[in-house]
N, C-alpha and C. Protein backbone atom coordinates (compact mmCIF):
# COMPACT_ATOMS: atom_id res chain seq x y z
N PHE A 1 -16.19 -94.59 45.14
CA PHE A 1 -15.95 -95.01 46.52
C PHE A 1 -14.47 -95.28 46.76
N TRP A 2 -13.90 -96.11 45.90
CA TRP A 2 -12.52 -96.57 46.14
C TRP A 2 -11.53 -95.41 46.15
N ASN A 3 -11.53 -94.61 45.10
CA ASN A 3 -10.56 -93.52 45.01
C ASN A 3 -10.76 -92.48 46.10
N ALA A 4 -11.99 -92.24 46.49
CA ALA A 4 -12.27 -91.23 47.51
C ALA A 4 -11.88 -91.69 48.91
N ASN A 5 -11.92 -93.00 49.17
CA ASN A 5 -11.71 -93.49 50.53
C ASN A 5 -10.44 -94.32 50.72
N ILE A 6 -10.06 -95.07 49.73
CA ILE A 6 -8.98 -96.03 49.91
C ILE A 6 -7.73 -95.63 49.13
N GLY A 7 -7.84 -95.52 47.82
CA GLY A 7 -6.68 -95.19 46.99
C GLY A 7 -5.86 -96.42 46.64
N TYR A 8 -4.54 -96.23 46.53
CA TYR A 8 -3.64 -97.31 46.15
C TYR A 8 -3.58 -98.39 47.23
N VAL A 9 -3.72 -99.62 46.82
CA VAL A 9 -3.58 -100.77 47.71
C VAL A 9 -2.58 -101.72 47.07
N HIS A 10 -1.60 -102.17 47.86
CA HIS A 10 -0.59 -103.08 47.30
C HIS A 10 -1.07 -104.52 47.25
N ASP A 11 -1.74 -104.98 48.30
CA ASP A 11 -2.10 -106.38 48.41
C ASP A 11 -3.45 -106.47 49.12
N ILE A 12 -4.24 -107.47 48.73
CA ILE A 12 -5.56 -107.65 49.33
C ILE A 12 -5.77 -109.12 49.66
N TYR A 13 -6.26 -109.39 50.86
CA TYR A 13 -6.69 -110.73 51.25
C TYR A 13 -8.22 -110.71 51.22
N VAL A 14 -8.84 -111.67 50.49
CA VAL A 14 -10.29 -111.68 50.34
C VAL A 14 -10.85 -113.01 50.82
N LYS A 15 -11.93 -112.93 51.61
CA LYS A 15 -12.67 -114.12 52.03
C LYS A 15 -14.15 -113.75 52.11
N ASN A 16 -14.98 -114.53 51.42
CA ASN A 16 -16.43 -114.32 51.43
C ASN A 16 -16.81 -112.87 51.10
N ASN A 17 -16.23 -112.33 50.06
CA ASN A 17 -16.50 -110.97 49.59
C ASN A 17 -16.03 -109.86 50.52
N ILE A 18 -15.30 -110.21 51.57
CA ILE A 18 -14.74 -109.21 52.47
C ILE A 18 -13.25 -109.09 52.15
N ALA A 19 -12.82 -107.86 51.84
CA ALA A 19 -11.44 -107.60 51.43
C ALA A 19 -10.68 -106.89 52.55
N TYR A 20 -9.54 -107.44 52.91
CA TYR A 20 -8.63 -106.84 53.88
C TYR A 20 -7.53 -106.19 53.04
N CYS A 21 -7.56 -104.87 52.97
CA CYS A 21 -6.72 -104.11 52.05
C CYS A 21 -5.49 -103.57 52.76
N ASN A 22 -4.33 -103.95 52.26
CA ASN A 22 -3.05 -103.47 52.79
C ASN A 22 -2.71 -102.21 52.00
N ASP A 23 -2.89 -101.07 52.64
CA ASP A 23 -2.95 -99.78 51.96
C ASP A 23 -1.71 -98.93 52.18
N GLY A 24 -0.53 -99.54 52.07
CA GLY A 24 0.71 -98.77 52.17
C GLY A 24 0.78 -97.94 53.43
N THR A 25 1.13 -96.67 53.29
CA THR A 25 1.31 -95.80 54.45
C THR A 25 -0.02 -95.38 55.07
N ASN A 26 -1.13 -95.75 54.46
CA ASN A 26 -2.45 -95.42 55.00
C ASN A 26 -3.00 -96.50 55.94
N GLY A 27 -2.27 -97.58 56.15
CA GLY A 27 -2.71 -98.62 57.07
C GLY A 27 -3.47 -99.73 56.40
N MET A 28 -4.61 -100.11 56.97
CA MET A 28 -5.42 -101.18 56.40
C MET A 28 -6.90 -100.82 56.46
N TYR A 29 -7.63 -101.32 55.47
CA TYR A 29 -9.08 -101.10 55.39
C TYR A 29 -9.75 -102.45 55.14
N VAL A 30 -10.94 -102.62 55.69
CA VAL A 30 -11.73 -103.82 55.46
C VAL A 30 -12.98 -103.38 54.71
N ILE A 31 -13.19 -103.97 53.54
CA ILE A 31 -14.26 -103.54 52.64
C ILE A 31 -15.16 -104.72 52.30
N ASP A 32 -16.47 -104.50 52.30
CA ASP A 32 -17.46 -105.52 51.94
C ASP A 32 -17.87 -105.31 50.48
N PHE A 33 -17.56 -106.30 49.64
CA PHE A 33 -17.90 -106.27 48.23
C PHE A 33 -19.10 -107.17 47.91
N SER A 34 -19.88 -107.54 48.90
CA SER A 34 -21.02 -108.43 48.68
C SER A 34 -22.01 -107.85 47.68
N ASN A 35 -22.21 -106.55 47.72
CA ASN A 35 -23.11 -105.87 46.80
C ASN A 35 -22.27 -104.85 46.03
N MET A 36 -21.92 -105.19 44.79
CA MET A 36 -21.01 -104.34 44.02
C MET A 36 -21.59 -102.96 43.72
N SER A 37 -22.90 -102.81 43.78
CA SER A 37 -23.48 -101.48 43.56
C SER A 37 -23.54 -100.67 44.85
N ASN A 38 -23.15 -101.31 45.97
CA ASN A 38 -23.14 -100.61 47.24
C ASN A 38 -21.99 -101.12 48.11
N VAL A 39 -20.77 -100.89 47.66
CA VAL A 39 -19.58 -101.32 48.38
C VAL A 39 -19.50 -100.56 49.70
N GLN A 40 -19.20 -101.30 50.79
CA GLN A 40 -19.22 -100.70 52.13
C GLN A 40 -17.88 -100.87 52.84
N GLY A 41 -17.44 -99.82 53.49
CA GLY A 41 -16.30 -99.92 54.37
C GLY A 41 -16.75 -100.48 55.71
N LEU A 42 -16.06 -101.49 56.20
CA LEU A 42 -16.44 -102.12 57.48
C LEU A 42 -15.55 -101.71 58.64
N GLY A 43 -14.32 -101.31 58.32
CA GLY A 43 -13.40 -100.93 59.38
C GLY A 43 -12.06 -100.52 58.82
N SER A 44 -11.25 -99.92 59.68
CA SER A 44 -9.91 -99.51 59.25
C SER A 44 -8.99 -99.42 60.46
N LEU A 45 -7.71 -99.46 60.15
CA LEU A 45 -6.66 -99.22 61.15
C LEU A 45 -5.65 -98.32 60.46
N THR A 46 -5.68 -97.04 60.78
CA THR A 46 -4.86 -96.07 60.06
C THR A 46 -3.70 -95.54 60.88
N SER A 47 -3.59 -95.97 62.14
CA SER A 47 -2.49 -95.57 62.98
C SER A 47 -2.16 -96.74 63.91
N TYR A 48 -0.89 -97.11 63.97
CA TYR A 48 -0.49 -98.25 64.79
C TYR A 48 1.00 -98.20 65.07
N LEU A 49 1.45 -99.00 66.01
CA LEU A 49 2.84 -99.09 66.40
C LEU A 49 3.70 -99.54 65.22
N GLN A 50 4.88 -98.95 65.06
CA GLN A 50 5.82 -99.27 63.99
C GLN A 50 5.16 -99.12 62.61
N GLN A 51 4.41 -98.09 62.41
CA GLN A 51 3.73 -97.91 61.12
C GLN A 51 4.73 -97.54 60.04
N GLY A 52 4.60 -98.25 58.92
CA GLY A 52 5.42 -97.98 57.75
C GLY A 52 4.55 -98.06 56.52
N SER A 53 4.93 -98.95 55.61
CA SER A 53 4.16 -99.16 54.40
C SER A 53 3.57 -100.57 54.43
N ASN A 54 2.28 -100.67 54.77
CA ASN A 54 1.61 -101.97 54.88
C ASN A 54 1.60 -102.66 53.52
N HIS A 55 2.34 -103.74 53.43
CA HIS A 55 2.61 -104.40 52.16
C HIS A 55 1.70 -105.60 51.89
N SER A 56 1.53 -106.46 52.89
CA SER A 56 0.76 -107.70 52.67
C SER A 56 0.21 -108.20 53.99
N GLY A 57 -0.83 -109.02 53.91
CA GLY A 57 -1.42 -109.57 55.13
C GLY A 57 -2.20 -110.84 54.87
N TRP A 58 -2.61 -111.49 55.95
CA TRP A 58 -3.34 -112.76 55.86
C TRP A 58 -4.23 -112.91 57.08
N LEU A 59 -5.44 -113.41 56.86
CA LEU A 59 -6.41 -113.63 57.92
C LEU A 59 -6.24 -115.04 58.50
N HIS A 60 -6.20 -115.15 59.82
CA HIS A 60 -6.15 -116.45 60.49
C HIS A 60 -7.47 -117.18 60.23
N TYR A 61 -7.44 -118.49 60.22
CA TYR A 61 -8.64 -119.27 59.90
C TYR A 61 -9.80 -119.01 60.87
N ASN A 62 -9.51 -118.59 62.11
CA ASN A 62 -10.60 -118.31 63.05
C ASN A 62 -11.26 -116.96 62.77
N GLU A 63 -10.70 -116.20 61.85
CA GLU A 63 -11.21 -114.91 61.39
C GLU A 63 -11.25 -113.86 62.49
N LYS A 64 -10.50 -114.09 63.57
CA LYS A 64 -10.43 -113.12 64.66
C LYS A 64 -9.15 -112.29 64.60
N TYR A 65 -8.12 -112.81 63.92
CA TYR A 65 -6.83 -112.14 63.89
C TYR A 65 -6.33 -112.00 62.46
N TYR A 66 -5.67 -110.89 62.23
CA TYR A 66 -5.08 -110.59 60.93
C TYR A 66 -3.63 -110.20 61.18
N ALA A 67 -2.74 -110.75 60.37
CA ALA A 67 -1.32 -110.41 60.46
C ALA A 67 -0.94 -109.64 59.20
N PHE A 68 -0.13 -108.59 59.37
CA PHE A 68 0.33 -107.88 58.19
C PHE A 68 1.76 -107.40 58.37
N ALA A 69 2.40 -107.13 57.24
CA ALA A 69 3.81 -106.77 57.22
C ALA A 69 3.99 -105.40 56.58
N ASP A 70 4.64 -104.51 57.32
CA ASP A 70 5.07 -103.24 56.74
C ASP A 70 6.42 -103.50 56.09
N GLU A 71 6.51 -103.23 54.80
CA GLU A 71 7.74 -103.52 54.05
C GLU A 71 8.73 -102.36 54.21
N ASN A 72 9.28 -102.30 55.42
CA ASN A 72 10.27 -101.28 55.76
C ASN A 72 11.34 -101.93 56.62
N HIS A 73 12.56 -101.50 56.46
CA HIS A 73 13.65 -102.02 57.28
C HIS A 73 13.37 -101.69 58.75
N GLY A 74 13.61 -102.68 59.62
CA GLY A 74 13.45 -102.50 61.05
C GLY A 74 12.03 -102.68 61.56
N MET A 75 11.13 -103.17 60.71
CA MET A 75 9.73 -103.34 61.12
C MET A 75 9.44 -104.79 61.48
N ASP A 76 8.54 -104.96 62.45
CA ASP A 76 8.05 -106.28 62.82
C ASP A 76 6.72 -106.55 62.13
N VAL A 77 6.28 -107.80 62.17
CA VAL A 77 4.94 -108.17 61.72
C VAL A 77 3.95 -107.71 62.78
N LYS A 78 2.81 -107.19 62.34
CA LYS A 78 1.77 -106.73 63.25
C LYS A 78 0.65 -107.76 63.31
N ILE A 79 0.15 -108.01 64.50
CA ILE A 79 -1.01 -108.87 64.70
C ILE A 79 -2.12 -107.98 65.25
N VAL A 80 -3.28 -108.00 64.58
CA VAL A 80 -4.40 -107.19 65.04
C VAL A 80 -5.63 -108.07 65.23
N ASP A 81 -6.47 -107.66 66.17
CA ASP A 81 -7.73 -108.34 66.45
C ASP A 81 -8.80 -107.71 65.56
N VAL A 82 -9.37 -108.51 64.67
CA VAL A 82 -10.39 -108.03 63.74
C VAL A 82 -11.76 -108.64 64.05
N SER A 83 -11.93 -109.15 65.27
CA SER A 83 -13.22 -109.77 65.62
C SER A 83 -14.34 -108.74 65.65
N ASP A 84 -14.01 -107.47 65.89
CA ASP A 84 -14.98 -106.37 65.81
C ASP A 84 -14.41 -105.37 64.80
N LEU A 85 -14.92 -105.40 63.57
CA LEU A 85 -14.35 -104.56 62.52
C LEU A 85 -14.59 -103.08 62.76
N ASN A 86 -15.52 -102.74 63.64
CA ASN A 86 -15.72 -101.34 64.02
C ASN A 86 -14.65 -100.87 64.99
N ASN A 87 -13.91 -101.84 65.54
CA ASN A 87 -12.89 -101.51 66.52
C ASN A 87 -11.70 -102.46 66.35
N ILE A 88 -10.99 -102.35 65.24
CA ILE A 88 -9.80 -103.17 65.00
C ILE A 88 -8.74 -102.73 66.00
N THR A 89 -8.22 -103.70 66.77
CA THR A 89 -7.28 -103.35 67.83
C THR A 89 -5.94 -104.04 67.63
N PHE A 90 -4.90 -103.33 67.97
CA PHE A 90 -3.54 -103.82 67.89
C PHE A 90 -3.32 -104.87 68.96
N LYS A 91 -2.77 -106.03 68.59
CA LYS A 91 -2.56 -107.13 69.53
C LYS A 91 -1.08 -107.28 69.92
N ASP A 92 -0.20 -107.36 68.90
CA ASP A 92 1.19 -107.68 69.19
C ASP A 92 2.05 -107.43 67.95
N THR A 93 3.36 -107.44 68.16
CA THR A 93 4.31 -107.49 67.05
C THR A 93 5.19 -108.71 67.24
N ILE A 94 5.63 -109.28 66.13
CA ILE A 94 6.59 -110.38 66.18
C ILE A 94 7.63 -110.12 65.11
N GLY A 95 8.85 -110.55 65.37
CA GLY A 95 9.91 -110.30 64.41
C GLY A 95 10.97 -111.37 64.42
N SER A 96 11.85 -111.28 63.43
CA SER A 96 12.96 -112.24 63.35
C SER A 96 14.05 -111.89 64.36
N ASN A 97 14.15 -110.61 64.71
CA ASN A 97 15.14 -110.13 65.68
C ASN A 97 16.58 -110.46 65.30
N VAL A 98 16.84 -110.59 63.99
CA VAL A 98 18.20 -110.88 63.54
C VAL A 98 19.04 -109.60 63.58
N VAL A 99 18.63 -108.60 62.84
CA VAL A 99 19.27 -107.28 62.87
C VAL A 99 18.13 -106.30 63.06
N GLU A 100 17.91 -105.90 64.31
CA GLU A 100 16.69 -105.20 64.68
C GLU A 100 16.34 -104.01 63.80
N ASP A 101 17.32 -103.20 63.42
CA ASP A 101 17.01 -102.00 62.65
C ASP A 101 17.02 -102.24 61.14
N LEU A 102 17.33 -103.47 60.69
CA LEU A 102 17.38 -103.74 59.26
C LEU A 102 16.51 -104.91 58.81
N SER A 103 16.10 -105.79 59.72
CA SER A 103 15.25 -106.92 59.32
C SER A 103 13.93 -106.40 58.77
N MET A 104 13.42 -107.10 57.74
CA MET A 104 12.20 -106.60 57.09
C MET A 104 11.35 -107.76 56.59
N PRO A 105 10.09 -107.86 57.08
CA PRO A 105 9.18 -108.87 56.56
C PRO A 105 8.66 -108.46 55.19
N HIS A 106 8.36 -109.46 54.36
CA HIS A 106 7.84 -109.15 53.02
C HIS A 106 6.45 -109.73 52.83
N ASN A 107 6.33 -111.04 52.76
CA ASN A 107 5.03 -111.70 52.58
C ASN A 107 4.81 -112.69 53.71
N LEU A 108 3.55 -112.91 54.05
CA LEU A 108 3.23 -113.85 55.12
C LEU A 108 1.93 -114.57 54.83
N ILE A 109 1.83 -115.77 55.40
CA ILE A 109 0.66 -116.63 55.17
C ILE A 109 0.39 -117.43 56.43
N PHE A 110 -0.87 -117.42 56.87
CA PHE A 110 -1.29 -118.36 57.91
C PHE A 110 -1.62 -119.69 57.25
N TYR A 111 -1.16 -120.77 57.85
CA TYR A 111 -1.59 -122.11 57.46
C TYR A 111 -1.82 -122.85 58.76
N GLY A 112 -3.08 -123.12 59.07
CA GLY A 112 -3.41 -123.66 60.39
C GLY A 112 -3.04 -122.63 61.43
N ASP A 113 -2.35 -123.06 62.47
CA ASP A 113 -1.93 -122.13 63.52
C ASP A 113 -0.52 -121.62 63.32
N ASN A 114 0.07 -121.90 62.17
CA ASN A 114 1.41 -121.39 61.90
C ASN A 114 1.33 -120.17 60.99
N LEU A 115 2.14 -119.19 61.30
CA LEU A 115 2.29 -118.01 60.47
C LEU A 115 3.66 -118.10 59.81
N PHE A 116 3.66 -118.26 58.49
CA PHE A 116 4.88 -118.35 57.70
C PHE A 116 5.22 -116.95 57.20
N VAL A 117 6.43 -116.46 57.54
CA VAL A 117 6.82 -115.10 57.19
C VAL A 117 8.12 -115.13 56.39
N SER A 118 8.08 -114.50 55.22
CA SER A 118 9.28 -114.31 54.42
C SER A 118 9.95 -113.02 54.86
N TYR A 119 11.21 -113.13 55.27
CA TYR A 119 12.00 -111.96 55.65
C TYR A 119 13.13 -111.79 54.65
N TYR A 120 13.21 -110.60 54.05
CA TYR A 120 14.40 -110.30 53.26
C TYR A 120 15.62 -110.53 54.15
N PHE A 121 16.67 -111.02 53.62
CA PHE A 121 17.94 -111.26 54.31
C PHE A 121 17.88 -112.31 55.41
N ASP A 122 16.75 -112.45 56.14
CA ASP A 122 16.68 -113.35 57.29
C ASP A 122 16.14 -114.73 56.97
N GLY A 123 15.44 -114.89 55.84
CA GLY A 123 14.91 -116.19 55.47
C GLY A 123 13.46 -116.39 55.87
N LEU A 124 13.07 -117.64 55.98
CA LEU A 124 11.71 -118.02 56.35
C LEU A 124 11.63 -118.19 57.86
N TYR A 125 10.62 -117.57 58.47
CA TYR A 125 10.35 -117.73 59.90
C TYR A 125 8.93 -118.27 60.06
N VAL A 126 8.79 -119.25 60.95
CA VAL A 126 7.48 -119.86 61.21
C VAL A 126 7.15 -119.62 62.68
N PHE A 127 6.03 -118.92 62.89
CA PHE A 127 5.59 -118.60 64.25
C PHE A 127 4.35 -119.43 64.58
N ASN A 128 4.33 -120.00 65.78
CA ASN A 128 3.18 -120.74 66.26
C ASN A 128 2.20 -119.77 66.89
N THR A 129 0.97 -119.75 66.37
CA THR A 129 -0.05 -118.82 66.86
C THR A 129 -1.23 -119.57 67.48
N SER A 130 -1.00 -120.77 67.98
CA SER A 130 -2.11 -121.53 68.58
C SER A 130 -2.68 -120.80 69.79
N ASN A 131 -1.88 -119.94 70.41
CA ASN A 131 -2.34 -119.09 71.50
C ASN A 131 -1.87 -117.67 71.19
N PHE A 132 -2.80 -116.79 70.81
CA PHE A 132 -2.41 -115.44 70.40
C PHE A 132 -1.90 -114.60 71.57
N ASN A 133 -2.00 -115.11 72.77
CA ASN A 133 -1.39 -114.44 73.92
C ASN A 133 0.03 -114.92 74.17
N ASN A 134 0.46 -115.93 73.41
CA ASN A 134 1.80 -116.49 73.56
C ASN A 134 2.30 -116.99 72.21
N ILE A 135 2.54 -116.09 71.28
CA ILE A 135 3.08 -116.45 69.96
C ILE A 135 4.56 -116.71 70.12
N TYR A 136 5.04 -117.81 69.52
CA TYR A 136 6.46 -118.11 69.64
C TYR A 136 7.02 -118.65 68.33
N LEU A 137 8.34 -118.56 68.20
CA LEU A 137 9.04 -119.02 67.01
C LEU A 137 9.05 -120.54 66.99
N GLU A 138 8.48 -121.12 65.94
CA GLU A 138 8.44 -122.57 65.78
C GLU A 138 9.70 -123.06 65.05
N GLY A 139 10.17 -122.26 64.10
CA GLY A 139 11.37 -122.63 63.34
C GLY A 139 11.70 -121.60 62.29
N TYR A 140 12.87 -121.76 61.68
CA TYR A 140 13.27 -120.85 60.61
C TYR A 140 14.27 -121.54 59.69
N TYR A 141 14.41 -120.97 58.50
CA TYR A 141 15.42 -121.44 57.56
C TYR A 141 15.94 -120.22 56.82
N ASP A 142 17.24 -119.99 56.94
CA ASP A 142 17.84 -118.81 56.32
C ASP A 142 18.25 -119.15 54.89
N THR A 143 17.67 -118.44 53.94
CA THR A 143 17.98 -118.67 52.52
C THR A 143 19.06 -117.73 52.02
N SER A 144 19.46 -116.75 52.82
CA SER A 144 20.37 -115.72 52.33
C SER A 144 21.64 -115.65 53.15
N ASN A 145 22.75 -115.54 52.46
CA ASN A 145 24.01 -115.32 53.15
C ASN A 145 24.49 -113.88 52.93
N ARG A 146 23.60 -113.04 52.45
CA ARG A 146 23.94 -111.64 52.17
C ARG A 146 23.91 -110.81 53.45
N THR A 147 24.78 -109.82 53.50
CA THR A 147 24.83 -108.90 54.62
C THR A 147 23.63 -107.97 54.57
N HIS A 148 23.00 -107.74 55.70
CA HIS A 148 21.86 -106.82 55.76
C HIS A 148 22.29 -105.45 55.22
N ASN A 149 21.38 -104.87 54.44
CA ASN A 149 21.65 -103.58 53.85
C ASN A 149 20.35 -102.79 53.83
N GLY A 150 20.34 -101.63 54.46
CA GLY A 150 19.15 -100.82 54.60
C GLY A 150 18.69 -100.14 53.32
N THR A 151 19.43 -100.31 52.23
CA THR A 151 19.01 -99.70 50.97
C THR A 151 18.58 -100.73 49.94
N LYS A 152 18.61 -102.01 50.32
CA LYS A 152 18.31 -103.07 49.36
C LYS A 152 17.17 -103.96 49.82
N TYR A 153 16.57 -104.62 48.85
CA TYR A 153 15.52 -105.61 49.08
C TYR A 153 16.01 -106.91 48.44
N GLU A 154 16.69 -107.72 49.22
CA GLU A 154 17.27 -108.96 48.73
C GLU A 154 16.92 -110.09 49.68
N GLY A 155 16.98 -111.32 49.16
CA GLY A 155 16.76 -112.48 50.00
C GLY A 155 15.39 -113.10 49.81
N ASN A 156 14.82 -113.62 50.89
CA ASN A 156 13.56 -114.37 50.85
C ASN A 156 12.42 -113.46 50.39
N TRP A 157 11.74 -113.94 49.38
CA TRP A 157 10.71 -113.16 48.71
C TRP A 157 9.31 -113.67 49.02
N GLY A 158 9.17 -115.00 49.15
CA GLY A 158 7.85 -115.55 49.37
C GLY A 158 7.89 -116.99 49.85
N VAL A 159 6.75 -117.44 50.35
CA VAL A 159 6.61 -118.81 50.84
C VAL A 159 5.24 -119.33 50.42
N TYR A 160 5.18 -120.64 50.16
CA TYR A 160 3.92 -121.30 49.81
C TYR A 160 3.83 -122.59 50.62
N PRO A 161 2.94 -122.65 51.64
CA PRO A 161 2.87 -123.83 52.51
C PRO A 161 1.73 -124.79 52.21
N PHE A 162 1.06 -124.66 51.08
CA PHE A 162 -0.18 -125.41 50.83
C PHE A 162 -0.03 -126.67 49.99
N LEU A 163 1.16 -127.16 49.76
CA LEU A 163 1.33 -128.37 48.95
C LEU A 163 0.79 -129.60 49.69
N PRO A 164 0.12 -130.52 48.99
CA PRO A 164 -0.41 -131.73 49.64
C PRO A 164 0.68 -132.56 50.32
N SER A 165 1.92 -132.47 49.84
CA SER A 165 3.03 -133.23 50.41
C SER A 165 3.44 -132.71 51.79
N GLY A 166 3.04 -131.49 52.12
CA GLY A 166 3.49 -130.86 53.35
C GLY A 166 4.78 -130.08 53.17
N ASN A 167 5.37 -130.18 51.99
CA ASN A 167 6.58 -129.41 51.71
C ASN A 167 6.25 -127.93 51.58
N LEU A 168 7.26 -127.11 51.80
CA LEU A 168 7.14 -125.67 51.65
C LEU A 168 7.97 -125.24 50.45
N ILE A 169 7.46 -124.30 49.70
CA ILE A 169 8.25 -123.68 48.64
C ILE A 169 8.63 -122.29 49.13
N VAL A 170 9.92 -122.00 49.08
CA VAL A 170 10.43 -120.71 49.52
C VAL A 170 11.25 -120.13 48.37
N SER A 171 10.97 -118.88 48.01
CA SER A 171 11.72 -118.26 46.92
C SER A 171 12.64 -117.18 47.46
N ASP A 172 13.83 -117.14 46.93
CA ASP A 172 14.83 -116.15 47.30
C ASP A 172 15.23 -115.38 46.04
N ILE A 173 15.18 -114.08 46.10
CA ILE A 173 15.46 -113.24 44.94
C ILE A 173 16.82 -113.56 44.36
N ASN A 174 17.81 -113.84 45.20
CA ASN A 174 19.18 -114.00 44.75
C ASN A 174 19.62 -115.45 44.57
N SER A 175 19.12 -116.35 45.41
CA SER A 175 19.67 -117.71 45.38
C SER A 175 18.70 -118.77 44.85
N GLY A 176 17.49 -118.38 44.46
CA GLY A 176 16.60 -119.32 43.81
C GLY A 176 15.48 -119.89 44.66
N LEU A 177 15.05 -121.06 44.26
CA LEU A 177 13.88 -121.71 44.86
C LEU A 177 14.32 -122.83 45.81
N TYR A 178 13.68 -122.89 46.96
CA TYR A 178 13.96 -123.92 47.96
C TYR A 178 12.70 -124.73 48.18
N VAL A 179 12.86 -126.04 48.32
CA VAL A 179 11.75 -126.91 48.71
C VAL A 179 12.15 -127.49 50.06
N LEU A 180 11.34 -127.17 51.08
CA LEU A 180 11.65 -127.58 52.44
C LEU A 180 10.56 -128.48 52.98
N LYS A 181 10.93 -129.38 53.85
CA LYS A 181 9.97 -130.23 54.54
C LYS A 181 9.63 -129.56 55.86
N ASP A 182 8.36 -129.31 56.12
CA ASP A 182 7.92 -128.71 57.36
C ASP A 182 7.81 -129.81 58.41
N ASN A 183 8.72 -129.78 59.39
CA ASN A 183 8.70 -130.78 60.45
C ASN A 183 7.91 -130.29 61.64
């Protein structure tokens, strides 16, 4: 099943045996692993605005929206409506808008109504998604003083917002680990 339909997947978000597969240049697939002897495809999104190489994604706690990042220079984060897996629909794009043709999201995580996005070169961006019709920038922290370069992958690599203290851990490929207080 997997090789015939999906192939290489870089990152997978799993909840209750349902896998949201970030499938590089093939888009995204949603797969039900509840019965391992009968794995089922539930939906896919194989063509969308600003399509590149779908690198990583995260499901919002309401399970109606999924955010994913194409790891390509000049790409925004994509928000899709997954409330009907037979009809996954494109909702919006959001970006750091620092250097439009070079900014690149890497990893992202929903925590509550905030979407934490690691951007190479641009740092950590936090978007408020309490209203998916009006997503806005809640805050950011730039971890990199490097000049944007369309041939490199440098800067903010990842974020972890789940510490009991409320602190955020942000990793930067070049400058190390940051511990930030989420205000």
